Amino acid sequence: MGWVSVLIAGVSAGIAFGAVVVALRANKIAKDGNQIAQRAQGTAVDANRLAVQANEIARDANLIAQRSVNIAEDQTDYIWAVKFDHDKSVAVVRNDSRFTAREVTVVVRFEDSTAGEGRADDLPGFSEFVFPVDGVREALAKKPPAGVSSSGGITVIRSRPSVPLTAWIAWLSELGVHRSCRVEFRASNVKKGKGRIW
């Protein structure tokens, strides 16, 4: 019986040794698995970040595409008229079309400087708004008056004094498209009731 116990003890020791080897190998595999899982988690975080960025780019691309469609569909023609009211020293800006213009901004330039600036939130078709313009009436006062003079057989005809002005107009169309234009006009010292206004 002694040799059977030795044999059983030997087999048990071999099984125990094999179990230790398997356990060590399993532990190494578990550590490798944890490292791979950590790398996968880092990669997943990077993938999520890239997905968020891709969604933002797609959203921006959709906005740009929608703006392009709006611009292509917006075939409305706006007509603008600008005049100078000498009596009040104001610019009169008229939306001379049937379409409403939104967020209208007008800058009047005279002799390379801004003479006045006006804004209107909504300007319906065939409507106008006014804003003060500086320096124009004074410049007109310095011009020689209109008239006819004759001296030594030479007749000189002087036209009504005027000065050139430029209006830069920016607005949003009814479809939300940004538009702008430049209108050149002349200011004269015509008083109200004399001559054609538009």
Protein backbone atom coordinates (compact mmCIF):
# COMPACT_ATOMS: atom_id res chain seq x y z
CA MET A 1 0.00 0.00 0.00
CA GLY A 2 2.85 2.31 0.47
CA TRP A 3 3.77 2.42 -3.13
CA VAL A 4 0.14 3.26 -4.08
CA SER A 5 0.21 6.26 -1.76
CA VAL A 6 3.46 7.38 -3.30
CA LEU A 7 1.99 6.98 -6.75
CA ILE A 8 -1.16 8.92 -5.82
CA ALA A 9 0.95 11.59 -4.17
CA GLY A 10 3.12 11.80 -7.33
CA VAL A 11 0.09 12.06 -9.62
CA SER A 12 -1.45 14.69 -7.29
CA ALA A 13 1.79 16.68 -7.32
CA GLY A 14 1.88 16.49 -11.13
CA ILE A 15 -1.72 17.67 -11.38
CA ALA A 16 -1.01 20.47 -8.90
CA PHE A 17 2.07 21.51 -10.86
CA GLY A 18 0.03 21.45 -14.08
CA ALA A 19 -2.69 23.55 -12.39
CA VAL A 20 -0.07 26.13 -11.33
CA VAL A 21 1.28 26.30 -14.90
CA VAL A 22 -2.25 26.69 -16.29
CA ALA A 23 -3.05 29.33 -13.65
CA LEU A 24 0.11 31.30 -14.49
CA ARG A 25 -0.68 31.09 -18.18
CA ALA A 26 -4.30 32.18 -17.53
CA ASN A 27 -3.05 35.11 -15.44
CA LYS A 28 -0.76 36.24 -18.30
CA ILE A 29 -3.60 35.90 -20.78
CA ALA A 30 -5.86 37.93 -18.45
CA LYS A 31 -3.20 40.70 -18.18
CA ASP A 32 -2.80 40.75 -21.97
CA GLY A 33 -6.58 40.89 -22.30
CA ASN A 34 -6.77 43.85 -19.88
CA GLN A 35 -4.10 45.72 -21.86
CA ILE A 36 -5.94 45.06 -25.12
CA ALA A 37 -9.21 46.20 -23.51
CA GLN A 38 -7.56 49.43 -22.29
CA ARG A 39 -6.18 50.12 -25.79
CA ALA A 40 -9.59 49.34 -27.26
CA GLN A 41 -11.23 51.73 -24.81
CA GLY A 42 -8.76 54.48 -25.81
CA THR A 43 -9.44 53.76 -29.47
CA ALA A 44 -13.19 53.87 -28.81
CA VAL A 45 -12.83 57.28 -27.14
CA ASP A 46 -10.85 58.53 -30.16
CA ALA A 47 -13.47 57.05 -32.50
CA ASN A 48 -16.28 58.82 -30.59
CA ARG A 49 -14.38 62.12 -30.72
CA LEU A 50 -13.86 61.71 -34.47
CA ALA A 51 -17.54 60.84 -34.91
CA VAL A 52 -18.56 64.05 -33.10
CA GLN A 53 -16.23 66.07 -35.33
CA ALA A 54 -17.60 64.33 -38.42
CA ASN A 55 -21.15 65.21 -37.33
CA GLU A 56 -20.17 68.86 -36.85
CA ILE A 57 -18.57 68.96 -40.31
CA ALA A 58 -21.67 67.34 -41.81
CA ARG A 59 -23.91 69.89 -40.07
CA ASP A 60 -21.78 72.76 -41.42
CA ALA A 61 -21.84 71.21 -44.89
CA ASN A 62 -25.64 70.98 -44.71
CA LEU A 63 -25.88 74.66 -43.72
CA ILE A 64 -23.63 75.66 -46.61
CA ALA A 65 -25.67 73.53 -49.00
CA GLN A 66 -28.92 75.11 -47.75
CA ARG A 67 -27.48 78.60 -48.20
CA SER A 68 -26.44 77.68 -51.74
CA VAL A 69 -29.96 76.45 -52.48
CA ASN A 70 -31.45 79.66 -51.02
CA ILE A 71 -29.13 81.80 -53.13
CA ALA A 72 -29.98 79.82 -56.26
CA GLU A 73 -33.72 80.04 -55.54
CA ASP A 74 -33.64 83.74 -54.61
CA GLN A 75 -34.21 85.46 -57.94
CA THR A 76 -35.85 88.56 -56.48
CA ASP A 77 -34.72 91.88 -57.93
CA TYR A 78 -34.48 94.74 -55.50
CA ILE A 79 -34.37 98.29 -56.80
CA TRP A 80 -33.06 101.04 -54.57
CA ALA A 81 -33.40 104.79 -54.94
CA VAL A 82 -31.53 107.30 -52.81
CA LYS A 83 -31.89 111.06 -52.70
CA PHE A 84 -30.69 113.93 -50.53
CA ASP A 85 -33.33 116.13 -48.86
CA HIS A 86 -31.65 119.54 -48.72
CA ASP A 87 -34.19 121.08 -46.31
CA LYS A 88 -33.72 118.42 -43.64
CA SER A 89 -30.12 117.43 -44.51
CA VAL A 90 -31.08 113.74 -44.60
CA ALA A 91 -30.70 110.85 -46.99
CA VAL A 92 -33.96 109.28 -48.13
CA VAL A 93 -33.60 105.61 -49.04
CA ARG A 94 -36.43 103.93 -50.90
CA ASN A 95 -36.97 100.21 -51.47
CA ASP A 96 -38.44 100.63 -54.93
CA SER A 97 -39.45 97.00 -55.36
CA ARG A 98 -42.37 94.91 -54.15
CA PHE A 99 -40.23 92.74 -51.85
CA THR A 100 -39.56 93.34 -48.16
CA ALA A 101 -35.91 93.91 -47.26
CA ARG A 102 -34.72 92.99 -43.76
CA GLU A 103 -31.80 94.26 -41.69
CA VAL A 104 -31.16 97.11 -44.12
CA THR A 105 -27.94 99.07 -43.55
CA VAL A 106 -27.04 102.11 -45.64
CA VAL A 107 -23.76 104.02 -45.52
CA VAL A 108 -23.53 107.29 -47.47
CA ARG A 109 -20.04 108.34 -48.50
CA PHE A 110 -19.03 111.86 -49.48
CA GLU A 111 -15.49 112.97 -50.37
CA ASP A 112 -13.89 109.72 -49.14
CA SER A 113 -15.55 109.79 -45.74
CA THR A 114 -18.78 108.52 -44.21
CA ALA A 115 -21.36 111.29 -44.16
CA GLY A 116 -24.17 109.25 -42.62
CA GLU A 117 -25.37 105.79 -41.74
CA GLY A 118 -28.88 104.45 -41.29
CA ARG A 119 -30.58 101.16 -40.43
CA ALA A 120 -34.04 99.68 -40.80
CA ASP A 121 -35.07 96.30 -39.38
CA ASP A 122 -37.77 95.72 -42.01
CA LEU A 123 -38.39 97.85 -45.07
CA PRO A 124 -41.50 96.75 -46.99
CA GLY A 125 -41.66 97.21 -50.74
CA PHE A 126 -42.16 100.80 -51.94
CA SER A 127 -41.28 102.17 -48.49
CA GLU A 128 -38.54 104.53 -47.40
CA PHE A 129 -36.60 105.63 -44.36
CA VAL A 130 -34.39 108.63 -43.63
CA PHE A 131 -31.24 109.34 -41.64
CA PRO A 132 -29.04 112.42 -41.19
CA VAL A 133 -26.17 113.15 -43.56
CA ASP A 134 -23.42 115.56 -42.48
CA GLY A 135 -21.39 118.02 -44.53
CA VAL A 136 -23.35 117.89 -47.78
CA ARG A 137 -25.42 121.05 -47.32
CA GLU A 138 -22.29 122.94 -46.31
CA ALA A 139 -20.43 121.71 -49.42
CA LEU A 140 -23.33 122.81 -51.62
CA ALA A 141 -23.31 126.28 -50.04
CA LYS A 142 -19.69 126.75 -51.18
CA LYS A 143 -20.56 126.05 -54.86
CA PRO A 144 -21.37 128.96 -57.18
CA PRO A 145 -25.12 129.35 -57.76
CA ALA A 146 -26.83 128.33 -60.97
CA GLY A 147 -27.44 131.00 -63.52
CA VAL A 148 -26.43 132.67 -66.75
CA SER A 149 -23.84 135.40 -67.01
CA SER A 150 -22.50 137.22 -70.00
CA SER A 151 -19.31 139.17 -70.34
CA GLY A 152 -17.49 140.36 -73.44
CA GLY A 153 -19.74 138.42 -75.77
CA ILE A 154 -19.23 135.14 -73.91
CA THR A 155 -22.23 133.57 -72.22
CA VAL A 156 -21.61 131.20 -69.32
CA ILE A 157 -24.36 128.88 -68.15
CA ARG A 158 -23.83 127.40 -64.73
CA SER A 159 -25.96 124.41 -63.85
CA ARG A 160 -27.45 123.88 -60.43
CA PRO A 161 -24.64 123.09 -57.96
CA SER A 162 -24.44 119.46 -56.89
CA VAL A 163 -22.06 117.06 -55.21
CA PRO A 164 -21.62 113.33 -55.88
CA LEU A 165 -22.55 110.84 -53.17
CA THR A 166 -22.37 107.07 -52.97
CA ALA A 167 -24.73 104.90 -50.92
CA TRP A 168 -23.64 101.39 -49.98
CA ILE A 169 -26.73 99.30 -49.18
CA ALA A 170 -26.76 95.86 -47.55
CA TRP A 171 -29.86 93.83 -46.68
CA LEU A 172 -31.37 90.37 -46.26
CA SER A 173 -33.81 89.27 -48.93
CA GLU A 174 -37.14 87.66 -48.11
CA LEU A 175 -35.44 84.23 -48.34
CA GLY A 176 -32.67 85.30 -45.95
CA VAL A 177 -29.94 85.79 -48.56
CA HIS A 178 -27.41 88.57 -47.90
CA ARG A 179 -27.45 91.14 -50.70
CA SER A 180 -25.65 94.42 -51.30
CA CYS A 181 -25.35 97.11 -53.93
CA ARG A 182 -23.92 100.55 -54.55
CA VAL A 183 -26.04 103.52 -55.64
CA GLU A 184 -24.41 106.69 -56.90
CA PHE A 185 -26.47 109.86 -56.76
CA ARG A 186 -26.05 113.61 -56.65
CA ALA A 187 -27.18 116.02 -53.99
CA SER A 188 -28.26 119.51 -54.99
CA ASN A 189 -29.63 122.52 -53.19
CA VAL A 190 -33.13 122.13 -54.61
CA LYS A 191 -35.67 123.13 -52.02
CA LYS A 192 -38.84 121.14 -51.36
CA GLY A 193 -41.54 121.55 -53.95
CA LYS A 194 -39.09 122.52 -56.70
CA GLY A 195 -38.40 119.88 -59.28
CA ARG A 196 -38.99 116.17 -59.30
CA ILE A 197 -38.24 114.27 -56.09
CA TRP A 198 -37.68 110.84 -57.58
